[in-house]
């Protein structure tokens, strides 16, 4: 069943994060920490086990942190998925992460086409796949024109889950 409180919180929080990331290339701490704290508070007020919210938050960090370590995502992206994870719980966070990865792939292709870098993008992705991930550090050294804001992909994934998709 769709929970309107969770839908509104995820749309407002993740949507704001996406807009701010597109404008500034940052997701502010006040937004992510506030969203996470409210998710934890809601779980307590509703009498849910706090582990539901804490589990979603922790999984959000665990799923996004490897990408941040290799330079593929920013710290704000890690914190944004963790914050919406506090609202979505553990299974919702995993699903949101998977939807975000799909949305991020589509956004990456659109950005590559727009910037005239589609061939280079596919060549680098193929090299990464052939290396079995050994070239992951290359992602962190990608030129600035190869990067894009990832919070919109997280917002798409989280909102899809909040809407019961």
N, C-alpha and C. Protein backbone atom coordinates (compact mmCIF):
# COMPACT_ATOMS: atom_id res chain seq x y z
N UNK A 1 0.83 -1.18 0.00
CA UNK A 1 0.00 0.00 0.00
C UNK A 1 0.88 1.25 0.00
N UNK A 2 0.52 2.20 -0.78
CA UNK A 2 1.29 3.44 -0.89
C UNK A 2 1.01 4.33 0.31
N UNK A 3 2.06 4.81 0.94
CA UNK A 3 1.94 5.68 2.10
C UNK A 3 2.17 7.12 1.64
N UNK A 4 1.12 7.97 1.71
CA UNK A 4 1.27 9.35 1.21
C UNK A 4 2.33 10.16 1.94
N UNK A 5 2.55 9.90 3.22
CA UNK A 5 3.57 10.63 3.97
C UNK A 5 4.95 10.29 3.41
N UNK A 6 5.20 9.01 3.16
CA UNK A 6 6.48 8.59 2.62
C UNK A 6 6.66 9.12 1.20
N UNK A 7 5.60 9.06 0.40
CA UNK A 7 5.69 9.58 -0.98
C UNK A 7 6.05 11.06 -0.95
N UNK A 8 5.34 11.84 -0.13
CA UNK A 8 5.62 13.28 -0.07
C UNK A 8 7.04 13.57 0.41
N UNK A 9 7.48 12.85 1.43
CA UNK A 9 8.83 13.08 1.96
C UNK A 9 9.90 12.72 0.94
N UNK A 10 9.73 11.58 0.28
CA UNK A 10 10.73 11.15 -0.70
C UNK A 10 10.73 12.07 -1.92
N UNK A 11 9.56 12.45 -2.39
CA UNK A 11 9.48 13.37 -3.53
C UNK A 11 10.12 14.71 -3.17
N UNK A 12 9.76 15.24 -2.00
CA UNK A 12 10.32 16.54 -1.59
C UNK A 12 11.82 16.46 -1.34
N UNK A 13 12.25 15.45 -0.59
CA UNK A 13 13.67 15.34 -0.24
C UNK A 13 14.55 14.98 -1.40
N UNK A 14 14.21 13.88 -2.08
CA UNK A 14 15.05 13.45 -3.21
C UNK A 14 14.91 14.41 -4.39
N UNK A 15 13.70 14.93 -4.58
CA UNK A 15 13.50 15.90 -5.67
C UNK A 15 14.31 17.17 -5.45
N UNK A 16 14.31 17.66 -4.21
CA UNK A 16 15.11 18.85 -3.88
C UNK A 16 16.59 18.56 -4.07
N UNK A 17 17.02 17.39 -3.62
CA UNK A 17 18.41 17.01 -3.80
C UNK A 17 18.81 16.98 -5.26
N UNK A 18 17.91 16.47 -6.10
CA UNK A 18 18.20 16.42 -7.54
C UNK A 18 18.33 17.81 -8.14
N UNK A 19 17.40 18.69 -7.79
CA UNK A 19 17.44 20.07 -8.32
C UNK A 19 18.70 20.79 -7.86
N UNK A 20 19.01 20.66 -6.57
CA UNK A 20 20.21 21.33 -6.04
C UNK A 20 21.47 20.75 -6.69
N UNK A 21 21.52 19.44 -6.87
CA UNK A 21 22.69 18.81 -7.49
C UNK A 21 22.86 19.28 -8.93
N UNK A 22 21.76 19.40 -9.65
CA UNK A 22 21.85 19.88 -11.03
C UNK A 22 22.37 21.31 -11.10
N UNK A 23 22.00 22.12 -10.12
CA UNK A 23 22.41 23.54 -10.12
C UNK A 23 23.81 23.76 -9.57
N UNK A 24 24.16 23.01 -8.52
CA UNK A 24 25.41 23.30 -7.81
C UNK A 24 26.43 22.19 -7.83
N UNK A 25 26.01 20.99 -8.30
CA UNK A 25 26.84 19.78 -8.28
C UNK A 25 27.18 19.35 -6.85
N UNK A 26 26.30 19.67 -5.93
CA UNK A 26 26.42 19.27 -4.53
C UNK A 26 25.04 18.89 -4.00
N UNK A 27 25.02 17.97 -3.05
CA UNK A 27 23.79 17.66 -2.30
C UNK A 27 24.10 18.05 -0.86
N UNK A 28 23.42 19.08 -0.35
CA UNK A 28 23.81 19.62 0.96
C UNK A 28 23.51 18.69 2.13
N UNK A 29 24.37 18.78 3.13
CA UNK A 29 24.22 17.97 4.34
C UNK A 29 22.92 18.27 5.08
N UNK A 30 22.54 19.55 5.12
CA UNK A 30 21.31 19.89 5.85
C UNK A 30 20.12 19.13 5.27
N UNK A 31 20.12 18.92 3.97
CA UNK A 31 19.02 18.20 3.33
C UNK A 31 19.08 16.70 3.65
N UNK A 32 20.24 16.10 3.45
CA UNK A 32 20.35 14.66 3.65
C UNK A 32 20.22 14.29 5.13
N UNK A 33 20.87 15.04 6.01
CA UNK A 33 20.78 14.72 7.44
C UNK A 33 19.36 14.98 7.96
N UNK A 34 18.75 16.06 7.50
CA UNK A 34 17.37 16.37 7.91
C UNK A 34 16.39 15.31 7.44
N UNK A 35 16.53 14.90 6.20
CA UNK A 35 15.65 13.87 5.64
C UNK A 35 15.83 12.54 6.38
N UNK A 36 17.06 12.18 6.66
CA UNK A 36 17.33 10.93 7.41
C UNK A 36 16.76 11.02 8.82
N UNK A 37 16.97 12.14 9.50
CA UNK A 37 16.46 12.29 10.87
C UNK A 37 14.94 12.21 10.91
N UNK A 38 14.28 12.83 9.94
CA UNK A 38 12.82 12.77 9.90
C UNK A 38 12.34 11.35 9.61
N UNK A 39 13.05 10.62 8.77
CA UNK A 39 12.69 9.23 8.50
C UNK A 39 12.80 8.36 9.74
N UNK A 40 13.88 8.57 10.51
CA UNK A 40 14.05 7.85 11.77
C UNK A 40 12.97 8.23 12.78
N UNK A 41 12.66 9.52 12.84
CA UNK A 41 11.63 10.00 13.76
C UNK A 41 10.27 9.42 13.39
N UNK A 42 9.94 9.38 12.12
CA UNK A 42 8.66 8.83 11.69
C UNK A 42 8.54 7.36 12.11
N UNK A 43 9.61 6.62 11.94
CA UNK A 43 9.58 5.21 12.34
C UNK A 43 9.27 5.08 13.83
N UNK A 44 9.86 5.94 14.64
CA UNK A 44 9.62 5.89 16.08
C UNK A 44 8.20 6.33 16.43
N UNK A 45 7.73 7.41 15.81
CA UNK A 45 6.39 7.93 16.08
C UNK A 45 5.32 6.91 15.70
N UNK A 46 5.55 6.20 14.61
CA UNK A 46 4.58 5.21 14.15
C UNK A 46 4.70 3.88 14.89
N UNK A 47 5.65 3.80 15.78
CA UNK A 47 5.80 2.58 16.56
C UNK A 47 6.48 1.45 15.80
N UNK A 48 7.10 1.78 14.68
CA UNK A 48 7.85 0.77 13.94
C UNK A 48 9.16 0.49 14.67
N UNK A 49 9.72 -0.64 14.39
CA UNK A 49 11.04 -0.91 14.92
C UNK A 49 12.01 0.11 14.31
N UNK A 50 12.86 0.73 15.12
CA UNK A 50 13.81 1.69 14.55
C UNK A 50 14.77 1.03 13.56
N UNK A 51 14.91 -0.30 13.66
CA UNK A 51 15.83 -1.00 12.76
C UNK A 51 15.37 -0.91 11.31
N UNK A 52 14.08 -0.72 11.09
CA UNK A 52 13.56 -0.56 9.73
C UNK A 52 14.23 0.65 9.06
N UNK A 53 14.17 1.78 9.75
CA UNK A 53 14.77 3.01 9.21
C UNK A 53 16.29 2.95 9.24
N UNK A 54 16.84 2.45 10.33
CA UNK A 54 18.30 2.36 10.44
C UNK A 54 18.86 1.38 9.40
N UNK A 55 18.14 0.29 9.17
CA UNK A 55 18.57 -0.68 8.16
C UNK A 55 18.57 -0.08 6.77
N UNK A 56 17.53 0.69 6.43
CA UNK A 56 17.49 1.35 5.13
C UNK A 56 18.60 2.36 4.97
N UNK A 57 18.83 3.12 6.04
CA UNK A 57 19.90 4.12 6.02
C UNK A 57 21.26 3.44 5.83
N UNK A 58 21.51 2.40 6.61
CA UNK A 58 22.79 1.69 6.51
C UNK A 58 23.01 1.05 5.16
N UNK A 59 21.95 0.45 4.62
CA UNK A 59 22.08 -0.16 3.28
C UNK A 59 22.34 0.90 2.22
N UNK A 60 21.72 2.07 2.37
CA UNK A 60 21.98 3.15 1.41
C UNK A 60 23.46 3.52 1.37
N UNK A 61 24.05 3.62 2.55
CA UNK A 61 25.49 3.91 2.63
C UNK A 61 26.29 2.75 2.02
N UNK A 62 25.96 1.53 2.42
CA UNK A 62 26.72 0.36 1.98
C UNK A 62 26.66 0.17 0.46
N UNK A 63 25.52 0.46 -0.13
CA UNK A 63 25.37 0.26 -1.57
C UNK A 63 26.08 1.35 -2.39
N UNK A 64 26.08 2.58 -1.88
CA UNK A 64 26.66 3.69 -2.65
C UNK A 64 28.13 3.94 -2.34
N UNK A 65 28.60 3.53 -1.17
CA UNK A 65 29.97 3.84 -0.76
C UNK A 65 31.03 3.30 -1.71
N UNK A 66 30.92 2.08 -2.23
CA UNK A 66 31.95 1.61 -3.16
C UNK A 66 32.09 2.52 -4.40
N UNK A 67 30.99 3.01 -4.92
CA UNK A 67 31.05 3.93 -6.05
C UNK A 67 31.75 5.23 -5.69
N UNK A 68 31.54 5.68 -4.46
CA UNK A 68 32.20 6.91 -4.00
C UNK A 68 33.70 6.68 -3.83
N UNK A 69 34.06 5.53 -3.31
CA UNK A 69 35.48 5.21 -3.07
C UNK A 69 36.27 5.23 -4.37
N UNK A 70 35.66 4.73 -5.46
CA UNK A 70 36.38 4.74 -6.74
C UNK A 70 36.17 6.03 -7.52
N UNK A 71 35.41 6.96 -6.95
CA UNK A 71 35.25 8.26 -7.59
C UNK A 71 34.09 8.36 -8.56
N UNK A 72 33.22 7.37 -8.59
CA UNK A 72 32.10 7.39 -9.55
C UNK A 72 30.94 8.25 -9.07
N UNK A 73 30.81 8.41 -7.74
CA UNK A 73 29.73 9.23 -7.19
C UNK A 73 30.30 10.12 -6.10
N UNK A 74 29.55 11.14 -5.78
CA UNK A 74 29.97 12.04 -4.72
C UNK A 74 29.44 11.60 -3.36
N UNK A 75 29.98 12.19 -2.32
CA UNK A 75 29.54 11.86 -0.96
C UNK A 75 28.08 12.24 -0.77
N UNK A 76 27.64 13.31 -1.41
CA UNK A 76 26.24 13.72 -1.31
C UNK A 76 25.30 12.67 -1.88
N UNK A 77 25.73 11.98 -2.92
CA UNK A 77 24.92 10.91 -3.50
C UNK A 77 24.78 9.75 -2.50
N UNK A 78 25.86 9.43 -1.82
CA UNK A 78 25.83 8.37 -0.80
C UNK A 78 24.84 8.75 0.29
N UNK A 79 24.96 9.98 0.78
CA UNK A 79 24.09 10.44 1.87
C UNK A 79 22.63 10.55 1.41
N UNK A 80 22.40 10.90 0.15
CA UNK A 80 21.02 11.02 -0.32
C UNK A 80 20.34 9.66 -0.37
N UNK A 81 21.00 8.63 -0.88
CA UNK A 81 20.37 7.31 -0.89
C UNK A 81 20.18 6.81 0.55
N UNK A 82 21.13 7.09 1.42
CA UNK A 82 20.98 6.69 2.82
C UNK A 82 19.77 7.38 3.45
N UNK A 83 19.61 8.68 3.17
CA UNK A 83 18.50 9.43 3.75
C UNK A 83 17.15 8.91 3.27
N UNK A 84 17.01 8.64 1.98
CA UNK A 84 15.73 8.10 1.51
C UNK A 84 15.57 6.66 2.00
N UNK A 85 16.68 5.98 2.24
CA UNK A 85 16.63 4.63 2.79
C UNK A 85 15.96 4.60 4.16
N UNK A 86 16.14 5.67 4.94
CA UNK A 86 15.48 5.75 6.25
C UNK A 86 13.97 5.76 6.10
N UNK A 87 13.47 6.22 4.97
CA UNK A 87 12.03 6.26 4.70
C UNK A 87 11.56 4.96 4.04
N UNK A 88 12.40 4.36 3.21
CA UNK A 88 11.98 3.21 2.41
C UNK A 88 12.26 1.87 3.07
N UNK A 89 13.11 1.83 4.08
CA UNK A 89 13.46 0.57 4.73
C UNK A 89 14.46 -0.21 3.90
N UNK A 90 14.92 -1.33 4.43
CA UNK A 90 15.98 -2.10 3.75
C UNK A 90 15.62 -2.58 2.35
N UNK A 91 14.50 -3.26 2.18
CA UNK A 91 14.19 -3.79 0.84
C UNK A 91 13.89 -2.68 -0.14
N UNK A 92 13.23 -1.62 0.32
CA UNK A 92 12.96 -0.48 -0.56
C UNK A 92 14.23 0.22 -0.99
N UNK A 93 15.21 0.26 -0.10
CA UNK A 93 16.49 0.90 -0.42
C UNK A 93 17.23 0.12 -1.50
N UNK A 94 17.23 -1.19 -1.39
CA UNK A 94 17.89 -2.02 -2.41
C UNK A 94 17.20 -1.82 -3.76
N UNK A 95 15.87 -1.82 -3.76
CA UNK A 95 15.14 -1.63 -5.01
C UNK A 95 15.40 -0.23 -5.57
N UNK A 96 15.40 0.78 -4.70
CA UNK A 96 15.67 2.15 -5.16
C UNK A 96 17.08 2.24 -5.75
N UNK A 97 18.04 1.55 -5.14
CA UNK A 97 19.40 1.55 -5.66
C UNK A 97 19.44 0.95 -7.08
N UNK A 98 18.74 -0.16 -7.27
CA UNK A 98 18.71 -0.80 -8.60
C UNK A 98 18.03 0.10 -9.63
N UNK A 99 16.89 0.69 -9.26
CA UNK A 99 16.20 1.62 -10.17
C UNK A 99 17.09 2.83 -10.48
N UNK A 100 17.81 3.30 -9.45
CA UNK A 100 18.70 4.45 -9.65
C UNK A 100 19.82 4.12 -10.62
N UNK A 101 20.34 2.90 -10.52
CA UNK A 101 21.40 2.48 -11.45
C UNK A 101 20.88 2.45 -12.88
N UNK A 102 19.66 1.95 -13.06
CA UNK A 102 19.06 1.94 -14.40
C UNK A 102 18.84 3.36 -14.91
N UNK A 103 18.27 4.21 -14.05
CA UNK A 103 18.04 5.60 -14.44
C UNK A 103 19.36 6.31 -14.71
N UNK A 104 20.38 6.03 -13.90
CA UNK A 104 21.69 6.63 -14.10
C UNK A 104 22.31 6.23 -15.42
N UNK A 105 22.10 4.96 -15.81
CA UNK A 105 22.60 4.51 -17.11
C UNK A 105 21.94 5.24 -18.27
N UNK A 106 20.63 5.42 -18.17
CA UNK A 106 19.91 6.16 -19.22
C UNK A 106 20.37 7.61 -19.25
N UNK A 107 20.50 8.22 -18.07
CA UNK A 107 20.95 9.62 -18.01
C UNK A 107 22.37 9.73 -18.58
N UNK A 108 23.23 8.78 -18.27
CA UNK A 108 24.60 8.81 -18.79
C UNK A 108 24.62 8.77 -20.31
N UNK A 109 23.77 7.95 -20.90
CA UNK A 109 23.70 7.88 -22.36
C UNK A 109 23.19 9.19 -22.94
N UNK A 110 22.15 9.75 -22.34
CA UNK A 110 21.60 11.02 -22.82
C UNK A 110 22.66 12.12 -22.72
N UNK A 111 23.36 12.18 -21.60
CA UNK A 111 24.41 13.19 -21.41
C UNK A 111 25.53 12.98 -22.43
N UNK A 112 25.93 11.73 -22.66
CA UNK A 112 27.00 11.44 -23.62
C UNK A 112 26.60 11.84 -25.02
N UNK A 113 25.36 11.58 -25.40
CA UNK A 113 24.89 11.99 -26.73
C UNK A 113 24.90 13.51 -26.83
N UNK A 114 24.36 14.17 -25.82
CA UNK A 114 24.29 15.64 -25.81
C UNK A 114 25.68 16.27 -25.91
N UNK A 115 26.66 15.65 -25.25
CA UNK A 115 28.02 16.20 -25.25
C UNK A 115 28.88 15.68 -26.38
N UNK A 116 28.31 14.82 -27.23
CA UNK A 116 29.08 14.27 -28.34
C UNK A 116 30.16 13.29 -27.90
N UNK A 117 29.94 12.56 -26.80
CA UNK A 117 30.94 11.67 -26.24
C UNK A 117 30.43 10.23 -26.15
N UNK A 118 29.43 9.88 -26.92
CA UNK A 118 28.84 8.55 -26.81
C UNK A 118 29.85 7.46 -27.13
N UNK A 119 30.59 7.61 -28.20
CA UNK A 119 31.58 6.60 -28.59
C UNK A 119 32.64 6.43 -27.50
N UNK A 120 33.14 7.53 -26.98
CA UNK A 120 34.14 7.47 -25.91
C UNK A 120 33.57 6.81 -24.66
N UNK A 121 32.33 7.16 -24.33
CA UNK A 121 31.69 6.59 -23.15
C UNK A 121 31.56 5.08 -23.28
N UNK A 122 31.08 4.60 -24.42
CA UNK A 122 30.94 3.16 -24.62
C UNK A 122 32.30 2.46 -24.65
N UNK A 123 33.30 3.10 -25.23
CA UNK A 123 34.64 2.50 -25.28
C UNK A 123 35.20 2.34 -23.86
N UNK A 124 35.01 3.36 -23.02
CA UNK A 124 35.50 3.28 -21.64
C UNK A 124 34.73 2.24 -20.83
N UNK A 125 33.42 2.17 -21.05
CA UNK A 125 32.60 1.17 -20.35
C UNK A 125 33.02 -0.24 -20.75
N UNK A 126 33.29 -0.43 -22.04
CA UNK A 126 33.72 -1.75 -22.52
C UNK A 126 35.08 -2.12 -21.93
N UNK A 127 35.98 -1.17 -21.85
CA UNK A 127 37.30 -1.43 -21.26
C UNK A 127 37.16 -1.79 -19.78
N UNK A 128 36.26 -1.10 -19.08
CA UNK A 128 36.03 -1.40 -17.67
C UNK A 128 35.48 -2.81 -17.52
N UNK A 129 34.52 -3.18 -18.36
CA UNK A 129 33.92 -4.52 -18.30
C UNK A 129 34.96 -5.60 -18.62
N UNK A 130 35.77 -5.36 -19.65
CA UNK A 130 36.80 -6.34 -20.02
C UNK A 130 37.83 -6.53 -18.92
N UNK A 131 38.09 -5.49 -18.16
CA UNK A 131 39.09 -5.58 -17.10
C UNK A 131 38.54 -6.24 -15.84
N UNK A 132 37.26 -6.57 -15.84
CA UNK A 132 36.66 -7.16 -14.66
C UNK A 132 36.60 -6.19 -13.49
N UNK A 133 36.58 -4.92 -13.78
CA UNK A 133 36.52 -3.90 -12.74
C UNK A 133 37.88 -3.40 -12.30
N UNK A 134 38.96 -3.98 -12.84
CA UNK A 134 40.31 -3.58 -12.42
C UNK A 134 40.61 -2.12 -12.78
N UNK A 135 39.91 -1.60 -13.77
CA UNK A 135 40.14 -0.21 -14.18
C UNK A 135 39.18 0.75 -13.50
N UNK A 136 38.57 0.34 -12.40
CA UNK A 136 37.57 1.18 -11.73
C UNK A 136 38.14 2.53 -11.31
N UNK A 137 39.41 2.58 -10.97
CA UNK A 137 40.03 3.85 -10.58
C UNK A 137 40.01 4.85 -11.72
N UNK A 138 39.93 4.36 -12.95
CA UNK A 138 39.84 5.23 -14.11
C UNK A 138 38.61 6.12 -14.05
N UNK A 139 37.53 5.61 -13.45
CA UNK A 139 36.29 6.39 -13.36
C UNK A 139 36.55 7.68 -12.61
N UNK A 140 37.30 7.59 -11.53
CA UNK A 140 37.59 8.76 -10.72
C UNK A 140 38.43 9.79 -11.44
N UNK A 141 39.16 9.38 -12.45
CA UNK A 141 40.00 10.32 -13.19
C UNK A 141 39.35 10.76 -14.50
N UNK A 142 38.07 10.47 -14.65
CA UNK A 142 37.38 10.87 -15.88
C UNK A 142 37.38 12.39 -15.99
N UNK A 143 37.50 12.89 -17.19
CA UNK A 143 37.48 14.35 -17.36
C UNK A 143 36.13 14.91 -16.91
N UNK A 144 36.14 16.17 -16.50
CA UNK A 144 34.93 16.81 -15.98
C UNK A 144 33.77 16.73 -16.96
N UNK A 145 34.05 16.77 -18.25
CA UNK A 145 32.96 16.72 -19.24
C UNK A 145 32.31 15.34 -19.31
N UNK A 146 32.91 14.35 -18.66
CA UNK A 146 32.33 13.01 -18.64
C UNK A 146 31.47 12.76 -17.40
N UNK A 147 31.40 13.71 -16.51
CA UNK A 147 30.65 13.55 -15.26
C UNK A 147 29.28 14.21 -15.37
N UNK A 148 28.36 13.75 -14.52
CA UNK A 148 27.04 14.36 -14.46
C UNK A 148 26.47 14.19 -13.06
N UNK A 149 25.47 15.00 -12.76
CA UNK A 149 24.81 14.93 -11.45
C UNK A 149 24.06 13.61 -11.34
N UNK A 150 24.29 12.86 -10.25
CA UNK A 150 23.67 11.55 -10.08
C UNK A 150 22.44 11.60 -9.18
N UNK A 151 22.24 12.68 -8.43
CA UNK A 151 21.08 12.78 -7.55
C UNK A 151 19.75 12.64 -8.31
N UNK A 152 19.63 13.14 -9.55
CA UNK A 152 18.38 12.91 -10.27
C UNK A 152 18.08 11.41 -10.47
N UNK A 153 19.10 10.61 -10.70
CA UNK A 153 18.89 9.16 -10.84
C UNK A 153 18.43 8.56 -9.52
N UNK A 154 19.02 9.01 -8.42
CA UNK A 154 18.60 8.53 -7.10
C UNK A 154 17.15 8.94 -6.84
N UNK A 155 16.81 10.17 -7.20
CA UNK A 155 15.43 10.64 -7.01
C UNK A 155 14.45 9.78 -7.80
N UNK A 156 14.78 9.48 -9.04
CA UNK A 156 13.90 8.65 -9.87
C UNK A 156 13.71 7.27 -9.22
N UNK A 157 14.79 6.65 -8.79
CA UNK A 157 14.71 5.33 -8.17
C UNK A 157 13.92 5.34 -6.87
N UNK A 158 14.18 6.33 -6.02
CA UNK A 158 13.50 6.40 -4.72
C UNK A 158 12.02 6.73 -4.88
N UNK A 159 11.70 7.64 -5.78
CA UNK A 159 10.30 8.00 -5.99
C UNK A 159 9.53 6.82 -6.58
N UNK A 160 10.15 6.09 -7.49
CA UNK A 160 9.49 4.90 -8.06
C UNK A 160 9.14 3.91 -6.95
N UNK A 161 10.06 3.68 -6.03
CA UNK A 161 9.80 2.75 -4.93
C UNK A 161 8.70 3.29 -4.00
N UNK A 162 8.77 4.58 -3.68
CA UNK A 162 7.76 5.18 -2.79
C UNK A 162 6.36 5.08 -3.41
N UNK A 163 6.30 5.13 -4.73
CA UNK A 163 5.02 5.03 -5.44
C UNK A 163 4.58 3.57 -5.64
N UNK A 164 5.37 2.65 -5.13
CA UNK A 164 4.99 1.24 -5.18
C UNK A 164 5.32 0.53 -6.48
N UNK A 165 6.22 1.09 -7.24
CA UNK A 165 6.58 0.47 -8.51
C UNK A 165 7.62 -0.62 -8.34
